[in-house]
Amino acid sequence: MKLVEPPSCSSPSIVVFVGRNRRGQWVAQQQNGLYGGLFVSRAQAIKYALFENGRHPETIVELSREIELDLGTQPQAGIARRAA
């Protein structure tokens, strides 16, 4: 069986930020908000970042300041946004 990389890792030069949010949860988020998640440990956040970026540890930046997960900043193609 051949392993296939996920489509989100097409550009290894994209930075993934890893750090804690104000509630102490670990956050991993791609710099443009294309992917990200909340994790219970630093190890899991790093593991996720490596999976998503095609195993490029040099593109992972651990932040000392708080980082909040925000995946809503980029409009998705083909989805119309409605005003609430």
PDB file of N, CA and C in Angstrom:
ATOM      1  N   MET A   1       0.850  -1.177   0.000  1.00  0.00           N
ATOM      2  CA  MET A   1       0.000   0.000   0.000  1.00  0.00           C
ATOM      3  C   MET A   1       0.889   1.231   0.000  1.00  0.00           C
ATOM      4  N   LYS A   2       0.582   2.182  -0.855  1.00  0.00           N
ATOM      5  CA  LYS A   2       1.342   3.422  -0.965  1.00  0.00           C
ATOM      6  C   LYS A   2       0.712   4.506  -0.095  1.00  0.00           C
ATOM      7  N   LEU A   3       1.542   5.187   0.698  1.00  0.00           N
ATOM      8  CA  LEU A   3       1.046   6.284   1.522  1.00  0.00           C
ATOM      9  C   LEU A   3       0.937   7.545   0.676  1.00  0.00           C
ATOM     10  N   VAL A   4      -0.134   8.287   0.874  1.00  0.00           N
ATOM     11  CA  VAL A   4      -0.367   9.518   0.128  1.00  0.00           C
ATOM     12  C   VAL A   4      -0.427  10.668   1.114  1.00  0.00           C
ATOM     13  N   GLU A   5       0.285  11.747   0.815  1.00  0.00           N
ATOM     14  CA  GLU A   5       0.265  12.918   1.687  1.00  0.00           C
ATOM     15  C   GLU A   5      -1.067  13.644   1.534  1.00  0.00           C
ATOM     16  N   PRO A   6      -1.548  14.270   2.613  1.00  0.00           N
ATOM     17  CA  PRO A   6      -2.798  15.017   2.524  1.00  0.00           C
ATOM     18  C   PRO A   6      -2.622  16.225   1.616  1.00  0.00           C
ATOM     19  N   PRO A   7      -3.698  16.699   0.970  1.00  0.00           N
ATOM     20  CA  PRO A   7      -3.587  17.812   0.033  1.00  0.00           C
ATOM     21  C   PRO A   7      -3.134  19.114   0.672  1.00  0.00           C
ATOM     22  N   SER A   8      -3.322  19.287   1.961  1.00  0.00           N
ATOM     23  CA  SER A   8      -2.966  20.541   2.613  1.00  0.00           C
ATOM     24  C   SER A   8      -1.467  20.751   2.734  1.00  0.00           C
ATOM     25  N   CYS A   9      -0.658  19.758   2.425  1.00  0.00           N
ATOM     26  CA  CYS A   9       0.782  19.898   2.586  1.00  0.00           C
ATOM     27  C   CYS A   9       1.487  20.125   1.250  1.00  0.00           C
ATOM     28  N   SER A  10       0.801  20.695   0.279  1.00  0.00           N
ATOM     29  CA  SER A  10       1.377  20.867  -1.043  1.00  0.00           C
ATOM     30  C   SER A  10       2.534  21.848  -1.065  1.00  0.00           C
ATOM     31  N   SER A  11       2.616  22.756  -0.092  1.00  0.00           N
ATOM     32  CA  SER A  11       3.715  23.710  -0.052  1.00  0.00           C
ATOM     33  C   SER A  11       4.462  23.595   1.268  1.00  0.00           C
ATOM     34  N   PRO A  12       5.638  22.947   1.262  1.00  0.00           N
ATOM     35  CA  PRO A  12       6.362  22.747   2.511  1.00  0.00           C
ATOM     36  C   PRO A  12       6.920  24.031   3.115  1.00  0.00           C
ATOM     37  N   SER A  13       6.906  25.147   2.379  1.00  0.00           N
ATOM     38  CA  SER A  13       7.431  26.392   2.914  1.00  0.00           C
ATOM     39  C   SER A  13       6.411  27.135   3.775  1.00  0.00           C
ATOM     40  N   ILE A  14       5.214  26.604   3.896  1.00  0.00           N
ATOM     41  CA  ILE A  14       4.175  27.230   4.710  1.00  0.00           C
ATOM     42  C   ILE A  14       4.449  26.935   6.184  1.00  0.00           C
ATOM     43  N   VAL A  15       4.428  27.969   6.990  1.00  0.00           N
ATOM     44  CA  VAL A  15       4.723  27.865   8.417  1.00  0.00           C
ATOM     45  C   VAL A  15       3.498  27.381   9.190  1.00  0.00           C
ATOM     46  N   VAL A  16       3.747  26.508  10.174  1.00  0.00           N
ATOM     47  CA  VAL A  16       2.708  26.064  11.100  1.00  0.00           C
ATOM     48  C   VAL A  16       3.102  26.586  12.481  1.00  0.00           C
ATOM     49  N   PHE A  17       2.191  27.327  13.112  1.00  0.00           N
ATOM     50  CA  PHE A  17       2.432  27.862  14.442  1.00  0.00           C
ATOM     51  C   PHE A  17       1.894  26.894  15.486  1.00  0.00           C
ATOM     52  N   VAL A  18       2.669  26.672  16.539  1.00  0.00           N
ATOM     53  CA  VAL A  18       2.255  25.819  17.651  1.00  0.00           C
ATOM     54  C   VAL A  18       2.448  26.613  18.932  1.00  0.00           C
ATOM     55  N   GLY A  19       1.438  26.592  19.794  1.00  0.00           N
ATOM     56  CA  GLY A  19       1.517  27.293  21.073  1.00  0.00           C
ATOM     57  C   GLY A  19       0.279  27.007  21.892  1.00  0.00           C
ATOM     58  N   ARG A  20       0.164  27.702  23.017  1.00  0.00           N
ATOM     59  CA  ARG A  20      -0.996  27.517  23.899  1.00  0.00           C
ATOM     60  C   ARG A  20      -1.964  28.681  23.769  1.00  0.00           C
ATOM     61  N   ASN A  21      -3.247  28.357  23.917  1.00  0.00           N
ATOM     62  CA  ASN A  21      -4.251  29.428  23.947  1.00  0.00           C
ATOM     63  C   ASN A  21      -4.463  29.875  25.393  1.00  0.00           C
ATOM     64  N   ARG A  22      -5.353  30.815  25.606  1.00  0.00           N
ATOM     65  CA  ARG A  22      -5.551  31.365  26.959  1.00  0.00           C
ATOM     66  C   ARG A  22      -6.109  30.352  27.949  1.00  0.00           C
ATOM     67  N   ARG A  23      -6.677  29.237  27.456  1.00  0.00           N
ATOM     68  CA  ARG A  23      -7.199  28.192  28.334  1.00  0.00           C
ATOM     69  C   ARG A  23      -6.180  27.080  28.583  1.00  0.00           C
ATOM     70  N   GLY A  24      -4.971  27.230  28.034  1.00  0.00           N
ATOM     71  CA  GLY A  24      -3.927  26.244  28.260  1.00  0.00           C
ATOM     72  C   GLY A  24      -3.920  25.093  27.280  1.00  0.00           C
ATOM     73  N   GLN A  25      -4.839  25.102  26.315  1.00  0.00           N
ATOM     74  CA  GLN A  25      -4.860  24.052  25.304  1.00  0.00           C
ATOM     75  C   GLN A  25      -3.770  24.332  24.267  1.00  0.00           C
ATOM     76  N   TRP A  26      -3.242  23.281  23.687  1.00  0.00           N
ATOM     77  CA  TRP A  26      -2.236  23.433  22.640  1.00  0.00           C
ATOM     78  C   TRP A  26      -2.926  23.642  21.313  1.00  0.00           C
ATOM     79  N   VAL A  27      -2.417  24.584  20.536  1.00  0.00           N
ATOM     80  CA  VAL A  27      -2.962  24.939  19.233  1.00  0.00           C
ATOM     81  C   VAL A  27      -1.893  24.710  18.174  1.00  0.00           C
ATOM     82  N   ALA A  28      -2.290  24.140  17.058  1.00  0.00           N
ATOM     83  CA  ALA A  28      -1.443  24.070  15.865  1.00  0.00           C
ATOM     84  C   ALA A  28      -2.263  24.681  14.742  1.00  0.00           C
ATOM     85  N   GLN A  29      -1.696  25.675  14.056  1.00  0.00           N
ATOM     86  CA  GLN A  29      -2.431  26.326  12.986  1.00  0.00           C
ATOM     87  C   GLN A  29      -1.491  26.756  11.869  1.00  0.00           C
ATOM     88  N   GLN A  30      -1.859  26.434  10.646  1.00  0.00           N
ATOM     89  CA  GLN A  30      -1.113  26.852   9.480  1.00  0.00           C
ATOM     90  C   GLN A  30      -1.238  28.371   9.354  1.00  0.00           C
ATOM     91  N   GLN A  31      -0.195  29.038   8.900  1.00  0.00           N
ATOM     92  CA  GLN A  31      -0.135  30.498   8.919  1.00  0.00           C
ATOM     93  C   GLN A  31      -1.285  31.168   8.177  1.00  0.00           C
ATOM     94  N   ASN A  32      -1.844  30.536   7.161  1.00  0.00           N
ATOM     95  CA  ASN A  32      -2.967  31.128   6.425  1.00  0.00           C
ATOM     96  C   ASN A  32      -4.316  30.625   6.905  1.00  0.00           C
ATOM     97  N   GLY A  33      -4.334  29.815   7.949  1.00  0.00           N
ATOM     98  CA  GLY A  33      -5.590  29.321   8.497  1.00  0.00           C
ATOM     99  C   GLY A  33      -6.231  28.203   7.690  1.00  0.00           C
ATOM    100  N   LEU A  34      -5.466  27.558   6.807  1.00  0.00           N
ATOM    101  CA  LEU A  34      -6.034  26.483   5.997  1.00  0.00           C
ATOM    102  C   LEU A  34      -6.324  25.235   6.802  1.00  0.00           C
ATOM    103  N   TYR A  35      -5.555  25.005   7.856  1.00  0.00           N
ATOM    104  CA  TYR A  35      -5.809  23.874   8.734  1.00  0.00           C
ATOM    105  C   TYR A  35      -5.295  24.199  10.127  1.00  0.00           C
ATOM    106  N   GLY A  36      -5.825  23.486  11.099  1.00  0.00           N
ATOM    107  CA  GLY A  36      -5.409  23.689  12.477  1.00  0.00           C
ATOM    108  C   GLY A  36      -6.252  22.863  13.414  1.00  0.00           C
ATOM    109  N   GLY A  37      -5.875  22.886  14.690  1.00  0.00           N
ATOM    110  CA  GLY A  37      -6.635  22.130  15.661  1.00  0.00           C
ATOM    111  C   GLY A  37      -6.199  22.427  17.080  1.00  0.00           C
ATOM    112  N   LEU A  38      -6.996  21.920  18.020  1.00  0.00           N
ATOM    113  CA  LEU A  38      -6.719  22.032  19.451  1.00  0.00           C
ATOM    114  C   LEU A  38      -6.265  20.672  19.961  1.00  0.00           C
ATOM    115  N   PHE A  39      -5.284  20.675  20.866  1.00  0.00           N
ATOM    116  CA  PHE A  39      -4.696  19.430  21.343  1.00  0.00           C
ATOM    117  C   PHE A  39      -4.468  19.490  22.847  1.00  0.00           C
ATOM    118  N   VAL A  40      -4.442  18.323  23.480  1.00  0.00           N
ATOM    119  CA  VAL A  40      -4.234  18.263  24.926  1.00  0.00           C
ATOM    120  C   VAL A  40      -2.761  18.288  25.302  1.00  0.00           C
ATOM    121  N   SER A  41      -1.884  18.037  24.330  1.00  0.00           N
ATOM    122  CA  SER A  41      -0.451  18.042  24.639  1.00  0.00           C
ATOM    123  C   SER A  41       0.338  18.674  23.499  1.00  0.00           C
ATOM    124  N   ARG A  42       1.531  19.140  23.851  1.00  0.00           N
ATOM    125  CA  ARG A  42       2.444  19.702  22.857  1.00  0.00           C
ATOM    126  C   ARG A  42       2.823  18.631  21.835  1.00  0.00           C
ATOM    127  N   ALA A  43       3.080  17.423  22.323  1.00  0.00           N
ATOM    128  CA  ALA A  43       3.482  16.324  21.446  1.00  0.00           C
ATOM    129  C   ALA A  43       2.438  16.050  20.367  1.00  0.00           C
ATOM    130  N   GLN A  44       1.160  16.072  20.752  1.00  0.00           N
ATOM    131  CA  GLN A  44       0.097  15.825  19.777  1.00  0.00           C
ATOM    132  C   GLN A  44      -0.017  16.971  18.769  1.00  0.00           C
ATOM    133  N   ALA A  45       0.175  18.211  19.234  1.00  0.00           N
ATOM    134  CA  ALA A  45       0.135  19.363  18.332  1.00  0.00           C
ATOM    135  C   ALA A  45       1.266  19.293  17.313  1.00  0.00           C
ATOM    136  N   ILE A  46       2.460  18.932  17.763  1.00  0.00           N
ATOM    137  CA  ILE A  46       3.616  18.803  16.867  1.00  0.00           C
ATOM    138  C   ILE A  46       3.402  17.648  15.890  1.00  0.00           C
ATOM    139  N   LYS A  47       2.888  16.540  16.377  1.00  0.00           N
ATOM    140  CA  LYS A  47       2.625  15.379  15.523  1.00  0.00           C
ATOM    141  C   LYS A  47       1.649  15.752  14.408  1.00  0.00           C
ATOM    142  N   TYR A  48       0.599  16.465  14.755  1.00  0.00           N
ATOM    143  CA  TYR A  48      -0.389  16.918  13.771  1.00  0.00           C
ATOM    144  C   TYR A  48       0.256  17.863  12.756  1.00  0.00           C
ATOM    145  N   ALA A  49       1.036  18.830  13.245  1.00  0.00           N
ATOM    146  CA  ALA A  49       1.693  19.798  12.359  1.00  0.00           C
ATOM    147  C   ALA A  49       2.612  19.079  11.369  1.00  0.00           C
ATOM    148  N   LEU A  50       3.361  18.101  11.851  1.00  0.00           N
ATOM    149  CA  LEU A  50       4.253  17.348  10.971  1.00  0.00           C
ATOM    150  C   LEU A  50       3.480  16.552   9.930  1.00  0.00           C
ATOM    151  N   PHE A  51       2.372  15.960  10.331  1.00  0.00           N
ATOM    152  CA  PHE A  51       1.541  15.213   9.385  1.00  0.00           C
ATOM    153  C   PHE A  51       1.017  16.143   8.296  1.00  0.00           C
ATOM    154  N   GLU A  52       0.497  17.290   8.707  1.00  0.00           N
ATOM    155  CA  GLU A  52      -0.118  18.213   7.758  1.00  0.00           C
ATOM    156  C   GLU A  52       0.894  18.888   6.835  1.00  0.00           C
ATOM    157  N   ASN A  53       2.117  19.124   7.303  1.00  0.00           N
ATOM    158  CA  ASN A  53       3.070  19.839   6.458  1.00  0.00           C
ATOM    159  C   ASN A  53       4.031  18.902   5.719  1.00  0.00           C
ATOM    160  N   GLY A  54       3.734  17.617   5.717  1.00  0.00           N
ATOM    161  CA  GLY A  54       4.555  16.679   4.968  1.00  0.00           C
ATOM    162  C   GLY A  54       5.883  16.364   5.626  1.00  0.00           C
ATOM    163  N   ARG A  55       5.916  16.395   6.961  1.00  0.00           N
ATOM    164  CA  ARG A  55       7.118  16.068   7.752  1.00  0.00           C
ATOM    165  C   ARG A  55       8.262  17.051   7.513  1.00  0.00           C
ATOM    166  N   HIS A  56       7.958  18.328   7.647  1.00  0.00           N
ATOM    167  CA  HIS A  56       8.975  19.383   7.525  1.00  0.00           C
ATOM    168  C   HIS A  56       9.087  20.126   8.860  1.00  0.00           C
ATOM    169  N   PRO A  57       9.874  19.603   9.812  1.00  0.00           N
ATOM    170  CA  PRO A  57       9.976  20.234  11.134  1.00  0.00           C
ATOM    171  C   PRO A  57      10.540  21.648  11.073  1.00  0.00           C
ATOM    172  N   GLU A  58      11.285  21.978  10.030  1.00  0.00           N
ATOM    173  CA  GLU A  58      11.856  23.322   9.918  1.00  0.00           C
ATOM    174  C   GLU A  58      10.796  24.399   9.666  1.00  0.00           C
ATOM    175  N   THR A  59       9.576  24.005   9.316  1.00  0.00           N
ATOM    176  CA  THR A  59       8.518  24.992   9.082  1.00  0.00           C
ATOM    177  C   THR A  59       7.575  25.135  10.274  1.00  0.00           C
ATOM    178  N   ILE A  60       7.882  24.478  11.382  1.00  0.00           N
ATOM    179  CA  ILE A  60       7.057  24.585  12.589  1.00  0.00           C
ATOM    180  C   ILE A  60       7.688  25.610  13.520  1.00  0.00           C
ATOM    181  N   VAL A  61       6.880  26.582  13.939  1.00  0.00           N
ATOM    182  CA  VAL A  61       7.347  27.645  14.828  1.00  0.00           C
ATOM    183  C   VAL A  61       6.550  27.564  16.124  1.00  0.00           C
ATOM    184  N   GLU A  62       7.253  27.318  17.235  1.00  0.00           N
ATOM    185  CA  GLU A  62       6.592  27.288  18.538  1.00  0.00           C
ATOM    186  C   GLU A  62       6.600  28.693  19.115  1.00  0.00           C
ATOM    187  N   LEU A  63       5.419  29.173  19.462  1.00  0.00           N
ATOM    188  CA  LEU A  63       5.255  30.537  19.963  1.00  0.00           C
ATOM    189  C   LEU A  63       5.290  30.578  21.480  1.00  0.00           C
ATOM    190  N   SER A  64       5.886  31.625  22.026  1.00  0.00           N
ATOM    191  CA  SER A  64       5.872  31.811  23.477  1.00  0.00           C
ATOM    192  C   SER A  64       4.654  32.623  23.906  1.00  0.00           C
ATOM    193  N   ARG A  65       4.051  33.350  22.982  1.00  0.00           N
ATOM    194  CA  ARG A  65       2.840  34.117  23.293  1.00  0.00           C
ATOM    195  C   ARG A  65       1.611  33.255  23.019  1.00  0.00           C
ATOM    196  N   GLU A  66       0.463  33.709  23.503  1.00  0.00           N
ATOM    197  CA  GLU A  66      -0.785  32.968  23.283  1.00  0.00           C
ATOM    198  C   GLU A  66      -1.166  32.984  21.816  1.00  0.00           C
ATOM    199  N   ILE A  67      -1.777  31.896  21.391  1.00  0.00           N
ATOM    200  CA  ILE A  67      -2.301  31.789  20.032  1.00  0.00           C
ATOM    201  C   ILE A  67      -3.703  31.210  20.124  1.00  0.00           C
ATOM    202  N   GLU A  68      -4.637  31.808  19.420  1.00  0.00           N
ATOM    203  CA  GLU A  68      -6.014  31.314  19.403  1.00  0.00           C
ATOM    204  C   GLU A  68      -6.298  30.689  18.048  1.00  0.00           C
ATOM    205  N   LEU A  69      -6.957  29.552  18.054  1.00  0.00           N
ATOM    206  CA  LEU A  69      -7.320  28.875  16.821  1.00  0.00           C
ATOM    207  C   LEU A  69      -8.360  29.705  16.090  1.00  0.00           C
ATOM    208  N   ASP A  70      -8.086  30.061  14.845  1.00  0.00           N
ATOM    209  CA  ASP A  70      -9.001  30.858  14.037  1.00  0.00           C
ATOM    210  C   ASP A  70      -8.983  30.317  12.623  1.00  0.00           C
ATOM    211  N   LEU A  71      -9.942  29.479  12.300  1.00  0.00           N
ATOM    212  CA  LEU A  71     -10.017  28.894  10.971  1.00  0.00           C
ATOM    213  C   LEU A  71     -11.035  29.616  10.092  1.00  0.00           C
ATOM    214  N   GLY A  72     -11.674  30.646  10.622  1.00  0.00           N
ATOM    215  CA  GLY A  72     -12.712  31.341   9.871  1.00  0.00           C
ATOM    216  C   GLY A  72     -12.240  32.554   9.116  1.00  0.00           C
ATOM    217  N   THR A  73     -10.937  32.801   9.043  1.00  0.00           N
ATOM    218  CA  THR A  73     -10.448  34.020   8.398  1.00  0.00           C
ATOM    219  C   THR A  73     -10.394  33.918   6.894  1.00  0.00           C
ATOM    220  N   GLN A  74     -10.311  32.709   6.346  1.00  0.00           N
ATOM    221  CA  GLN A  74     -10.227  32.531   4.900  1.00  0.00           C
ATOM    222  C   GLN A  74     -11.577  32.054   4.368  1.00  0.00           C
ATOM    223  N   PRO A  75     -12.182  32.788   3.428  1.00  0.00           N
ATOM    224  CA  PRO A  75     -13.432  32.290   2.835  1.00  0.00           C
ATOM    225  C   PRO A  75     -13.141  31.054   2.003  1.00  0.00           C
ATOM    226  N   GLN A  76     -14.025  30.085   2.102  1.00  0.00           N
ATOM    227  CA  GLN A  76     -13.841  28.845   1.335  1.00  0.00           C
ATOM    228  C   GLN A  76     -14.491  29.011  -0.026  1.00  0.00           C
ATOM    229  N   ALA A  77     -13.837  28.530  -1.064  1.00  0.00           N
ATOM    230  CA  ALA A  77     -14.345  28.632  -2.428  1.00  0.00           C
ATOM    231  C   ALA A  77     -15.646  27.856  -2.551  1.00  0.00           C
ATOM    232  N   GLY A  78     -16.603  28.462  -3.226  1.00  0.00           N
ATOM    233  CA  GLY A  78     -17.862  27.767  -3.493  1.00  0.00           C
ATOM    234  C   GLY A  78     -18.868  27.847  -2.359  1.00  0.00           C
ATOM    235  N   ILE A  79     -18.542  28.498  -1.267  1.00  0.00           N
ATOM    236  CA  ILE A  79     -19.485  28.609  -0.157  1.00  0.00           C
ATOM    237  C   ILE A  79     -19.845  30.079   0.019  1.00  0.00           C
ATOM    238  N   ALA A  80     -21.104  30.389  -0.145  1.00  0.00           N
ATOM    239  CA  ALA A  80     -21.552  31.773   0.033  1.00  0.00           C
ATOM    240  C   ALA A  80     -21.756  32.052   1.504  1.00  0.00           C
ATOM    241  N   ARG A  81     -21.272  33.188   1.949  1.00  0.00           N
ATOM    242  CA  ARG A  81     -21.459  33.573   3.353  1.00  0.00           C
ATOM    243  C   ARG A  81     -22.701  34.442   3.462  1.00  0.00           C
ATOM    244  N   ARG A  82     -23.488  34.172   4.473  1.00  0.00           N
ATOM    245  CA  ARG A  82     -24.698  34.956   4.726  1.00  0.00           C
ATOM    246  C   ARG A  82     -24.513  35.799   5.977  1.00  0.00           C
ATOM    247  N   ALA A  83     -25.069  37.001   5.952  1.00  0.00           N
ATOM    248  CA  ALA A  83     -25.027  37.859   7.143  1.00  0.00           C
ATOM    249  C   ALA A  83     -26.032  37.325   8.141  1.00  0.00           C
ATOM    250  N   ALA A  84     -25.623  37.246   9.393  1.00  0.00           N
ATOM    251  CA  ALA A  84     -26.504  36.702  10.439  1.00  0.00           C
ATOM    252  C   ALA A  84     -27.474  37.752  10.927  1.00  0.00           C
TER     253      ALA A  84
END
